Amino acid sequence: MTEIYYIEDDENIAGMVKEYLVKKGYSVSVFRTLQEGKRGFMRQVPELALVDWNLPDGKGNDLLRWIRSRWVEVPVIFLTVRNDTCDIVAGFEEGADDYVVKPFELEVLYSRVRALLRRTREVSGRYLSCGSISLDKKAMAVFYQGEEISVSQAEYQILLLLMTNKGKTVTRESLLLQVWDKNGNYVNDNTLTVAIKRLREKLHQPSCLKTIRSFGYRMEEDAWIQE
């Protein structure tokens, strides 16, 4: 099911939009603040985001810049009462894909959502994230706080396996099998230890990469979000 995030502090508007889009077959998660929206993105990248401009803890354009620094192709629609030409232009310059002024017809919003999704299919499946780390499967690239990090093929495969199984412990045996043995490269257990050490160094010792003693490793979200 297509996942849509709606960052909106007005419960009535958020509830109305969510109810309508759910009836149309979408999964909709509502976040009331900028920080809640960030936490949602860190857990799972949606296929589309609807963003209000005025939020209790910041501006929607700040959130949009944050999204664009990490996930360039995620479609974003501004839903806002700000209808001045300068605001609309600023919204597009910040990276918005569309701009809808309140009040709006739900049918019109739905048509714009459908149009954007037709052009940007499978965006959410392309990106994996955990804390300040994100991974672009299509580009086979790893990022820390939006900046690309150079990793080896083995390091990329390790991170891909861990992030694909986020929240689950991946055993050392499984990592060795999937990253090396499956390709016919027989190595000893110390090779994995060295690879994990180098990966941690490149990613600035991320706290979301946990060592599960005597078992393996697990990617796990932290309670805080990197600004």
Protein backbone atom coordinates (compact mmCIF):
# COMPACT_ATOMS: atom_id res chain seq x y z
CA MET A 1 0.00 0.00 0.00
CA THR A 2 1.28 3.46 -0.92
CA GLU A 3 2.50 5.32 2.17
CA ILE A 4 1.82 9.05 2.48
CA TYR A 5 3.01 11.30 5.31
CA TYR A 6 1.03 14.42 6.21
CA ILE A 7 2.80 16.94 8.46
CA GLU A 8 -0.02 19.14 9.75
CA ASP A 9 -0.86 20.49 13.23
CA ASP A 10 -4.54 21.21 12.50
CA GLU A 11 -6.29 18.02 13.61
CA ASN A 12 -9.49 18.74 11.70
CA ILE A 13 -7.76 19.28 8.35
CA ALA A 14 -5.38 16.37 8.92
CA GLY A 15 -8.24 14.05 9.86
CA MET A 16 -10.31 15.08 6.85
CA VAL A 17 -7.43 14.58 4.39
CA LYS A 18 -6.40 11.27 5.96
CA GLU A 19 -9.95 9.87 5.91
CA TYR A 20 -10.40 10.80 2.26
CA LEU A 21 -7.05 9.41 1.06
CA VAL A 22 -7.47 6.21 3.08
CA LYS A 23 -10.78 5.62 1.30
CA LYS A 24 -8.86 6.00 -1.96
CA GLY A 25 -6.56 3.16 -0.94
CA TYR A 26 -3.57 4.98 0.55
CA SER A 27 -1.92 4.52 3.92
CA VAL A 28 -1.65 7.92 5.62
CA SER A 29 0.41 8.81 8.71
CA VAL A 30 -0.15 12.22 10.31
CA PHE A 31 2.59 14.09 12.19
CA ARG A 32 1.78 17.29 14.09
CA THR A 33 5.27 18.80 14.29
CA LEU A 34 8.43 19.15 12.24
CA GLN A 35 10.31 16.85 14.62
CA GLU A 36 7.63 14.17 14.45
CA GLY A 37 7.86 14.33 10.68
CA LYS A 38 11.62 13.86 10.81
CA ARG A 39 11.25 10.85 13.08
CA GLY A 40 8.78 9.36 10.63
CA PHE A 41 11.21 9.78 7.73
CA MET A 42 14.02 8.25 9.76
CA ARG A 43 11.92 5.14 10.41
CA GLN A 44 10.63 4.75 6.85
CA VAL A 45 10.76 6.95 3.76
CA PRO A 46 7.23 7.45 2.37
CA GLU A 47 6.27 7.53 -1.28
CA LEU A 48 4.91 11.08 -0.93
CA ALA A 49 4.75 13.81 1.73
CA LEU A 50 2.18 16.55 2.29
CA VAL A 51 3.64 19.44 4.31
CA ASP A 52 2.02 22.45 5.98
CA TRP A 53 4.11 25.62 5.99
CA ASN A 54 3.43 26.79 9.55
CA LEU A 55 4.21 24.17 12.18
CA PRO A 56 4.42 24.53 15.99
CA ASP A 57 8.17 23.95 16.09
CA GLY A 58 9.32 25.39 12.78
CA LYS A 59 8.53 26.06 9.13
CA GLY A 60 7.57 23.56 6.49
CA ASN A 61 10.25 24.90 4.16
CA ASP A 62 12.87 23.98 6.78
CA LEU A 63 11.52 20.44 6.80
CA LEU A 64 11.53 20.39 3.01
CA ARG A 65 15.20 21.42 2.88
CA TRP A 66 15.99 18.65 5.37
CA ILE A 67 14.13 16.09 3.25
CA ARG A 68 15.81 17.24 0.04
CA SER A 69 19.27 17.00 1.63
CA ARG A 70 18.69 13.28 2.13
CA TRP A 71 16.02 12.01 -0.29
CA VAL A 72 16.09 14.09 -3.46
CA GLU A 73 13.37 12.24 -5.34
CA VAL A 74 10.66 11.96 -2.66
CA PRO A 75 7.68 13.99 -3.97
CA VAL A 76 6.51 16.76 -1.62
CA ILE A 77 3.34 18.87 -1.85
CA PHE A 78 2.90 22.02 0.23
CA LEU A 79 -0.60 22.43 1.68
CA THR A 80 -0.81 25.93 3.15
CA VAL A 81 -2.87 29.09 3.58
CA ARG A 82 0.06 31.14 2.31
CA ASN A 83 -1.10 32.18 -1.15
CA ASP A 84 1.17 35.12 -1.98
CA THR A 85 3.07 34.75 -5.21
CA CYS A 86 6.39 35.12 -3.39
CA ASP A 87 5.47 32.27 -1.01
CA ILE A 88 4.48 29.99 -3.87
CA VAL A 89 7.68 30.77 -5.77
CA ALA A 90 9.73 30.23 -2.60
CA GLY A 91 8.04 26.86 -2.06
CA PHE A 92 9.03 25.64 -5.49
CA GLU A 93 12.54 27.04 -5.13
CA GLU A 94 12.95 25.11 -1.88
CA GLY A 95 12.20 21.92 -3.83
CA ALA A 96 8.43 21.38 -3.58
CA ASP A 97 6.87 19.38 -6.42
CA ASP A 98 3.46 21.04 -6.03
CA TYR A 99 1.79 23.78 -4.01
CA VAL A 100 -1.86 23.64 -2.90
CA VAL A 101 -3.49 26.61 -1.16
CA LYS A 102 -6.02 26.10 1.63
CA PRO A 103 -8.96 25.76 1.48
CA PHE A 104 -8.81 23.14 -1.24
CA GLU A 105 -11.08 20.51 -2.74
CA LEU A 106 -10.17 16.98 -1.70
CA GLU A 107 -10.76 15.76 -5.25
CA VAL A 108 -8.22 18.26 -6.56
CA LEU A 109 -5.64 17.19 -3.94
CA TYR A 110 -6.26 13.55 -4.83
CA SER A 111 -5.68 14.22 -8.54
CA ARG A 112 -2.39 15.97 -7.79
CA VAL A 113 -1.26 13.15 -5.51
CA ARG A 114 -2.03 10.60 -8.23
CA ALA A 115 -0.21 12.64 -10.87
CA LEU A 116 2.93 12.90 -8.75
CA LEU A 117 2.92 9.23 -7.82
CA ARG A 118 2.63 8.21 -11.47
CA ARG A 119 5.92 10.00 -12.12
CA THR A 120 7.73 8.83 -9.00
CA ARG A 121 6.83 5.20 -8.47
CA GLU A 122 8.71 3.03 -5.96
CA VAL A 123 10.52 5.93 -4.32
CA SER A 124 10.10 4.58 -0.80
CA GLY A 125 11.56 1.19 -1.73
CA ARG A 126 14.65 2.90 -3.08
CA TYR A 127 15.78 4.46 0.22
CA LEU A 128 16.70 2.95 3.57
CA SER A 129 17.54 5.04 6.61
CA CYS A 130 18.53 4.80 10.25
CA GLY A 131 19.51 7.81 12.33
CA SER A 132 21.79 10.04 10.26
CA ILE A 133 22.58 7.22 7.83
CA SER A 134 20.71 6.71 4.57
CA LEU A 135 21.23 4.29 1.72
CA ASP A 136 20.14 4.69 -1.90
CA LYS A 137 19.70 1.22 -3.38
CA LYS A 138 19.34 2.43 -6.96
CA ALA A 139 22.55 4.47 -6.86
CA MET A 140 24.24 1.97 -4.49
CA ALA A 141 25.33 4.94 -2.40
CA VAL A 142 25.63 5.58 1.34
CA PHE A 143 25.10 8.95 3.01
CA TYR A 144 25.81 10.39 6.43
CA GLN A 145 23.80 13.53 7.26
CA GLY A 146 23.16 13.98 3.54
CA GLU A 147 26.82 13.71 2.51
CA GLU A 148 27.89 10.73 0.43
CA ILE A 149 30.39 8.41 2.07
CA SER A 150 32.81 6.24 0.10
CA VAL A 151 32.46 2.58 1.07
CA SER A 152 33.78 -0.68 -0.32
CA GLN A 153 31.50 -3.23 -1.94
CA ALA A 154 31.63 -5.44 1.15
CA GLU A 155 30.87 -2.51 3.46
CA TYR A 156 27.91 -1.53 1.28
CA GLN A 157 26.54 -5.08 1.31
CA ILE A 158 26.88 -5.31 5.08
CA LEU A 159 25.04 -2.03 5.59
CA LEU A 160 22.36 -3.00 3.06
CA LEU A 161 21.67 -6.27 4.91
CA LEU A 162 21.55 -4.55 8.29
CA MET A 163 19.28 -1.72 7.14
CA THR A 164 16.98 -4.04 5.20
CA ASN A 165 16.54 -5.94 8.47
CA LYS A 166 16.34 -2.85 10.68
CA GLY A 167 15.19 -3.74 14.17
CA LYS A 168 16.33 -7.35 13.79
CA THR A 169 19.61 -8.94 14.80
CA VAL A 170 21.62 -10.23 11.83
CA THR A 171 24.05 -12.95 12.87
CA ARG A 172 27.73 -12.86 12.00
CA GLU A 173 27.30 -16.19 10.21
CA SER A 174 24.56 -14.74 8.02
CA LEU A 175 26.65 -11.69 7.14
CA LEU A 176 29.66 -13.83 6.25
CA LEU A 177 27.49 -16.09 4.10
CA GLN A 178 25.65 -13.30 2.26
CA VAL A 179 28.55 -10.91 1.75
CA TRP A 180 31.45 -13.25 1.10
CA ASP A 181 30.69 -16.99 0.93
CA LYS A 182 27.76 -16.54 -1.46
CA ASN A 183 30.18 -15.03 -3.97
CA GLY A 184 32.71 -17.78 -3.51
CA ASN A 185 35.09 -15.69 -1.38
CA TYR A 186 35.96 -17.74 1.67
CA VAL A 187 37.21 -15.59 4.55
CA ASN A 188 37.66 -15.96 8.27
CA ASP A 189 35.55 -14.39 11.00
CA ASN A 190 38.06 -11.60 11.61
CA THR A 191 37.37 -10.16 8.14
CA LEU A 192 33.84 -9.21 9.23
CA THR A 193 35.12 -7.61 12.45
CA VAL A 194 37.54 -5.44 10.47
CA ALA A 195 34.85 -4.49 7.92
CA ILE A 196 32.40 -3.45 10.66
CA LYS A 197 35.13 -1.40 12.36
CA ARG A 198 35.95 0.46 9.14
CA LEU A 199 32.27 1.01 8.38
CA ARG A 200 31.70 2.51 11.82
CA GLU A 201 34.67 4.84 11.38
CA LYS A 202 33.39 6.08 8.02
CA LEU A 203 29.92 6.66 9.49
CA HIS A 204 31.26 8.57 12.52
CA GLN A 205 30.63 5.78 15.04
CA PRO A 206 26.83 5.69 14.65
CA SER A 207 24.96 4.76 17.80
CA CYS A 208 22.21 3.14 15.73
CA LEU A 209 24.60 0.34 14.67
CA LYS A 210 24.51 -2.00 17.66
CA THR A 211 26.75 -4.92 18.48
CA ILE A 212 24.76 -7.83 19.88
CA ARG A 213 27.42 -9.67 21.80
CA SER A 214 27.94 -13.32 20.82
CA PHE A 215 25.32 -13.04 18.06
CA GLY A 216 25.87 -10.30 15.50
CA TYR A 217 24.68 -6.74 14.75
CA ARG A 218 21.46 -4.76 14.58
CA MET A 219 20.44 -1.41 13.11
CA GLU A 220 18.19 0.28 15.64
CA GLU A 221 16.68 3.77 15.74
CA ASP A 222 17.82 6.12 18.48
CA ALA A 223 15.38 8.18 20.53
CA TRP A 224 16.74 11.44 19.09
CA ILE A 225 16.85 12.81 15.56
CA GLN A 226 19.84 14.55 14.03
CA GLU A 227 18.93 18.12 13.06
